[in-house]
C-alpha atoms as a PDB file:
ATOM      1  CA  MET A   1       9.859 -10.615   0.003  1.00  0.00           C
ATOM      2  CA  GLY A   2      11.264 -11.412  -3.415  1.00  0.00           C
ATOM      3  CA  SER A   3       9.286 -14.093  -3.970  1.00  0.00           C
ATOM      4  CA  ALA A   4       6.044 -12.464  -3.095  1.00  0.00           C
ATOM      5  CA  ALA A   5       7.085  -9.617  -5.593  1.00  0.00           C
ATOM      6  CA  ALA A   6       7.983 -12.247  -8.612  1.00  0.00           C
ATOM      7  CA  GLY A   7       4.724 -13.768  -8.033  1.00  0.00           C
ATOM      8  CA  VAL A   8       2.797 -10.264  -8.154  1.00  0.00           C
ATOM      9  CA  VAL A   9       4.993  -9.349 -11.372  1.00  0.00           C
ATOM     10  CA  HIS A  10       4.245 -12.682 -13.319  1.00  0.00           C
ATOM     11  CA  ARG A  11       0.311 -12.706 -12.424  1.00  0.00           C
ATOM     12  CA  LEU A  12       0.062  -8.933 -13.272  1.00  0.00           C
ATOM     13  CA  THR A  13       2.151  -9.772 -16.579  1.00  0.00           C
ATOM     14  CA  GLU A  14      -0.402 -12.404 -17.377  1.00  0.00           C
ATOM     15  CA  ARG A  15      -3.522 -10.425 -16.825  1.00  0.00           C
ATOM     16  CA  ARG A  16      -2.009  -7.362 -18.449  1.00  0.00           C
ATOM     17  CA  GLU A  17      -2.305  -5.099 -15.994  1.00  0.00           C
ATOM     18  CA  THR A  18      -0.435  -2.490 -13.898  1.00  0.00           C
ATOM     19  CA  VAL A  19       0.158  -1.464 -10.121  1.00  0.00           C
ATOM     20  CA  ALA A  20       1.313   1.775  -8.833  1.00  0.00           C
ATOM     21  CA  THR A  21       2.509   1.982  -5.108  1.00  0.00           C
ATOM     22  CA  VAL A  22       1.916   4.712  -2.518  1.00  0.00           C
ATOM     23  CA  GLU A  23       4.413   4.532   0.554  1.00  0.00           C
ATOM     24  CA  SER A  24       4.747   6.157   4.105  1.00  0.00           C
ATOM     25  CA  LEU A  25       6.602   3.821   6.699  1.00  0.00           C
ATOM     26  CA  THR A  26       8.012   1.597   4.236  1.00  0.00           C
ATOM     27  CA  GLY A  27       9.791   4.585   2.183  1.00  0.00           C
ATOM     28  CA  GLY A  28      10.186   3.266  -1.106  1.00  0.00           C
ATOM     29  CA  LEU A  29      10.944  -0.407   0.009  1.00  0.00           C
ATOM     30  CA  LEU A  30       8.003  -1.821  -1.323  1.00  0.00           C
ATOM     31  CA  ALA A  31       8.657   0.066  -5.109  1.00  0.00           C
ATOM     32  CA  ALA A  32      12.140  -1.382  -4.563  1.00  0.00           C
ATOM     33  CA  THR A  33      11.103  -4.676  -3.658  1.00  0.00           C
ATOM     34  CA  ILE A  34       8.785  -4.819  -7.215  1.00  0.00           C
ATOM     35  CA  VAL A  35      11.559  -3.310  -9.319  1.00  0.00           C
ATOM     36  CA  GLU A  36      13.998  -5.870  -8.308  1.00  0.00           C
ATOM     37  CA  ILE A  37      12.062  -8.518 -10.453  1.00  0.00           C
ATOM     38  CA  ALA A  38      12.845  -8.983 -14.008  1.00  0.00           C
ATOM     39  CA  GLY A  39      10.174  -7.860 -16.305  1.00  0.00           C
ATOM     40  CA  ALA A  40       8.725  -5.164 -13.562  1.00  0.00           C
ATOM     41  CA  SER A  41       8.629  -2.334 -15.898  1.00  0.00           C
ATOM     42  CA  VAL A  42       5.763  -4.162 -18.104  1.00  0.00           C
ATOM     43  CA  VAL A  43       3.473  -3.941 -14.976  1.00  0.00           C
ATOM     44  CA  TYR A  44       4.883  -1.286 -12.405  1.00  0.00           C
ATOM     45  CA  ARG A  45       3.614   2.149 -13.282  1.00  0.00           C
ATOM     46  CA  GLY A  46       5.388   4.213 -10.592  1.00  0.00           C
ATOM     47  CA  GLY A  47       5.059   5.243  -7.180  1.00  0.00           C
ATOM     48  CA  LEU A  48       4.931   7.962  -4.623  1.00  0.00           C
ATOM     49  CA  VAL A  49       6.742   8.017  -0.996  1.00  0.00           C
ATOM     50  CA  VAL A  50       4.541  10.401   0.953  1.00  0.00           C
ATOM     51  CA  TYR A  51       6.508  10.255   4.468  1.00  0.00           C
ATOM     52  CA  ALA A  52       5.535  13.634   5.505  1.00  0.00           C
ATOM     53  CA  THR A  53       1.747  13.761   6.485  1.00  0.00           C
ATOM     54  CA  GLU A  54       1.024  17.158   4.187  1.00  0.00           C
ATOM     55  CA  LEU A  55       2.388  14.998   1.210  1.00  0.00           C
ATOM     56  CA  LYS A  56      -0.503  12.450   1.801  1.00  0.00           C
ATOM     57  CA  GLU A  57      -2.858  15.171   0.732  1.00  0.00           C
ATOM     58  CA  HIS A  58      -0.835  17.086  -1.923  1.00  0.00           C
ATOM     59  CA  LEU A  59       0.528  14.104  -3.992  1.00  0.00           C
ATOM     60  CA  ALA A  60      -1.903  11.174  -3.108  1.00  0.00           C
ATOM     61  CA  GLY A  61      -5.031  13.188  -2.749  1.00  0.00           C
ATOM     62  CA  VAL A  62      -6.007  12.196   0.702  1.00  0.00           C
ATOM     63  CA  PRO A  63      -8.752  14.499   2.090  1.00  0.00           C
ATOM     64  CA  ALA A  64      -7.341  16.872   4.392  1.00  0.00           C
ATOM     65  CA  ALA A  65     -10.112  16.558   6.834  1.00  0.00           C
ATOM     66  CA  LEU A  66      -9.537  12.933   6.910  1.00  0.00           C
ATOM     67  CA  LEU A  67      -6.178  13.408   7.995  1.00  0.00           C
ATOM     68  CA  ALA A  68      -6.872  16.234  10.624  1.00  0.00           C
ATOM     69  CA  GLU A  69      -9.543  14.021  12.139  1.00  0.00           C
ATOM     70  CA  ARG A  70      -7.591  10.827  12.432  1.00  0.00           C
ATOM     71  CA  GLY A  71      -3.925  11.357  11.507  1.00  0.00           C
ATOM     72  CA  PRO A  72      -1.765   9.628   8.764  1.00  0.00           C
ATOM     73  CA  VAL A  73      -2.006   6.079  10.567  1.00  0.00           C
ATOM     74  CA  ASP A  74      -5.732   4.897   9.924  1.00  0.00           C
ATOM     75  CA  ALA A  75      -7.508   2.637   7.788  1.00  0.00           C
ATOM     76  CA  ASP A  76      -9.228   5.072   5.919  1.00  0.00           C
ATOM     77  CA  VAL A  77      -6.334   6.957   5.049  1.00  0.00           C
ATOM     78  CA  ALA A  78      -4.415   3.895   3.784  1.00  0.00           C
ATOM     79  CA  ALA A  79      -7.627   3.019   1.349  1.00  0.00           C
ATOM     80  CA  ALA A  80      -7.150   6.788   0.288  1.00  0.00           C
ATOM     81  CA  LEU A  81      -3.498   6.194  -0.488  1.00  0.00           C
ATOM     82  CA  ALA A  82      -4.058   3.056  -2.415  1.00  0.00           C
ATOM     83  CA  GLU A  83      -6.777   4.710  -4.402  1.00  0.00           C
ATOM     84  CA  GLY A  84      -5.194   8.028  -5.038  1.00  0.00           C
ATOM     85  CA  GLY A  85      -1.853   5.995  -6.120  1.00  0.00           C
ATOM     86  CA  ARG A  86      -3.840   4.253  -8.594  1.00  0.00           C
ATOM     87  CA  ARG A  87      -5.762   7.152  -9.977  1.00  0.00           C
ATOM     88  CA  ARG A  88      -2.648   9.519 -10.114  1.00  0.00           C
ATOM     89  CA  CYS A  89      -0.371   6.997 -11.908  1.00  0.00           C
ATOM     90  CA  GLY A  90      -3.055   5.425 -14.262  1.00  0.00           C
ATOM     91  CA  ALA A  91      -2.532   1.800 -12.767  1.00  0.00           C
ATOM     92  CA  ASP A  92      -5.183  -0.884 -12.161  1.00  0.00           C
ATOM     93  CA  TRP A  93      -4.210  -1.461  -8.918  1.00  0.00           C
ATOM     94  CA  GLY A  94      -3.059   1.021  -6.213  1.00  0.00           C
ATOM     95  CA  LEU A  95      -0.947  -0.725  -3.056  1.00  0.00           C
ATOM     96  CA  ALA A  96      -0.512   1.410  -0.037  1.00  0.00           C
ATOM     97  CA  THR A  97       1.221   1.328   3.394  1.00  0.00           C
ATOM     98  CA  THR A  98       1.004   3.527   6.334  1.00  0.00           C
ATOM     99  CA  GLY A  99       1.859   2.860   9.825  1.00  0.00           C
ATOM    100  CA  VAL A 100       4.255   3.107  12.696  1.00  0.00           C
ATOM    101  CA  ALA A 101       7.809   1.665  12.526  1.00  0.00           C
ATOM    102  CA  GLY A 102       9.175   3.297  15.499  1.00  0.00           C
ATOM    103  CA  PRO A 103      11.045   3.344  17.718  1.00  0.00           C
ATOM    104  CA  GLN A 104       8.693   5.550  19.485  1.00  0.00           C
ATOM    105  CA  PRO A 105       4.638   5.584  19.159  1.00  0.00           C
ATOM    106  CA  GLN A 106       3.369   8.256  16.985  1.00  0.00           C
ATOM    107  CA  ASP A 107       0.397  10.553  17.671  1.00  0.00           C
ATOM    108  CA  GLY A 108      -0.846   7.893  20.204  1.00  0.00           C
ATOM    109  CA  LYS A 109      -0.598   4.737  17.983  1.00  0.00           C
ATOM    110  CA  PRO A 110       1.804   2.075  19.022  1.00  0.00           C
ATOM    111  CA  VAL A 111       4.542   0.896  17.003  1.00  0.00           C
ATOM    112  CA  GLY A 112       3.890  -1.645  14.892  1.00  0.00           C
ATOM    113  CA  LEU A 113       0.294  -0.494  13.907  1.00  0.00           C
ATOM    114  CA  VAL A 114       0.445  -0.705  10.070  1.00  0.00           C
ATOM    115  CA  PHE A 115      -2.367  -0.436   7.651  1.00  0.00           C
ATOM    116  CA  VAL A 116      -1.863  -1.904   3.999  1.00  0.00           C
ATOM    117  CA  ALA A 117      -4.491  -1.461   1.416  1.00  0.00           C
ATOM    118  CA  VAL A 118      -5.101  -2.291  -2.338  1.00  0.00           C
ATOM    119  CA  ALA A 119      -7.543  -0.696  -4.618  1.00  0.00           C
ATOM    120  CA  GLY A 120      -8.565  -2.289  -7.903  1.00  0.00           C
ATOM    121  CA  PRO A 121     -11.199  -2.277 -10.416  1.00  0.00           C
ATOM    122  CA  ASP A 122     -13.946  -3.375  -8.101  1.00  0.00           C
ATOM    123  CA  GLY A 123     -12.976  -1.549  -4.696  1.00  0.00           C
ATOM    124  CA  THR A 124     -10.541  -1.211  -2.095  1.00  0.00           C
ATOM    125  CA  GLU A 125      -9.443  -3.377   1.079  1.00  0.00           C
ATOM    126  CA  VAL A 126      -7.580  -2.458   3.965  1.00  0.00           C
ATOM    127  CA  ARG A 127      -5.688  -4.705   6.357  1.00  0.00           C
ATOM    128  CA  GLN A 128      -4.699  -3.975   9.530  1.00  0.00           C
ATOM    129  CA  LEU A 129      -1.592  -5.434  11.075  1.00  0.00           C
ATOM    130  CA  ASP A 130       0.236  -5.379  14.430  1.00  0.00           C
ATOM    131  CA  LEU A 131       3.791  -6.225  14.160  1.00  0.00           C
ATOM    132  CA  ASP A 132       6.609  -6.795  16.514  1.00  0.00           C
ATOM    133  CA  GLY A 133      10.209  -5.900  16.071  1.00  0.00           C
ATOM    134  CA  GLY A 134      12.196  -3.344  15.357  1.00  0.00           C
ATOM    135  CA  ARG A 135      12.195  -0.943  12.387  1.00  0.00           C
ATOM    136  CA  ASP A 136      13.476  -3.045   9.740  1.00  0.00           C
ATOM    137  CA  GLN A 137      11.268  -6.033  10.688  1.00  0.00           C
ATOM    138  CA  ILE A 138       8.107  -3.756  10.717  1.00  0.00           C
ATOM    139  CA  ARG A 139       8.953  -2.180   7.384  1.00  0.00           C
ATOM    140  CA  GLY A 140       9.883  -5.454   5.856  1.00  0.00           C
ATOM    141  CA  ALA A 141       7.075  -7.437   7.208  1.00  0.00           C
ATOM    142  CA  SER A 142       4.682  -4.378   5.890  1.00  0.00           C
ATOM    143  CA  VAL A 143       6.054  -4.719   2.502  1.00  0.00           C
ATOM    144  CA  THR A 144       5.545  -8.540   2.418  1.00  0.00           C
ATOM    145  CA  GLU A 145       1.908  -8.059   3.666  1.00  0.00           C
ATOM    146  CA  ALA A 146       1.132  -5.653   1.231  1.00  0.00           C
ATOM    147  CA  LEU A 147       2.417  -7.848  -1.656  1.00  0.00           C
ATOM    148  CA  ARG A 148       0.549 -10.863  -0.307  1.00  0.00           C
ATOM    149  CA  LEU A 149      -2.761  -8.866  -0.065  1.00  0.00           C
ATOM    150  CA  LEU A 150      -2.329  -7.743  -3.663  1.00  0.00           C
ATOM    151  CA  THR A 151      -1.446 -11.535  -4.466  1.00  0.00           C
ATOM    152  CA  GLU A 152      -4.588 -12.630  -3.360  1.00  0.00           C
ATOM    153  CA  HIS A 153      -6.629 -10.211  -5.466  1.00  0.00           C
ATOM    154  CA  VAL A 154      -4.862 -10.788  -8.814  1.00  0.00           C
ATOM    155  CA  ARG A 155      -4.964 -14.301  -8.330  1.00  0.00           C
ATOM    156  CA  THR A 156      -8.423 -14.682  -7.916  1.00  0.00           C
ATOM    157  CA  GLY A 157      -8.929 -12.600 -11.203  1.00  0.00           C
ATOM    158  CA  THR A 158     -12.094 -10.614  -9.678  1.00  0.00           C
ATOM    159  CA  GLY A 159     -10.348  -7.609  -8.473  1.00  0.00           C
ATOM    160  CA  VAL A 160     -11.337  -6.585  -4.874  1.00  0.00           C
ATOM    161  CA  GLY A 161     -14.720  -7.428  -3.359  1.00  0.00           C
ATOM    162  CA  ARG A 162     -16.843  -4.506  -2.893  1.00  0.00           C
ATOM    163  CA  GLY A 163     -17.793  -3.522   0.773  1.00  0.00           C
ATOM    164  CA  THR A 164     -14.107  -4.417   2.032  1.00  0.00           C
ATOM    165  CA  ARG A 165     -13.139  -1.031   2.511  1.00  0.00           C
ATOM    166  CA  ALA A 166     -13.256   0.546   6.202  1.00  0.00           C
ATOM    167  CA  ALA A 167     -16.283   2.449   7.271  1.00  0.00           C
ATOM    168  CA  GLU A 168     -16.105   6.111   6.238  1.00  0.00           C
END
């Protein structure tokens, strides 16, 4: 995780861009991984931990109707989290995680189902993950994959491609 975070911090510093995080199942682990890197204060704006479903609406701006219809573990919810974090923290990039770390399924969603999302200047991309392992492994892999997704976009220098958001 640390090397992925170091790469993100370095690349964002070069580009003079910032990032914000919005986390559900990772509970602050994504933010902690980023701020462990020396120099993170130049690029990391802040983040939200919205573990409770109602906080996804109240703090991150996820539409209540979307949460009521689909629940918190959903691709469009992940996109809305990333977009809300980007907007509310005034960052160039928003990075979000939502999913089921276990030990039990949640609202009919299996353990290991995770969505990570990145919102940038040109749009939003969501990636679905189907992870194995216990809570710690799922949460750690979610952080790694979220950082990998952001890295892919900041490396190209073009932002997020249009049309990559899950269907509304």
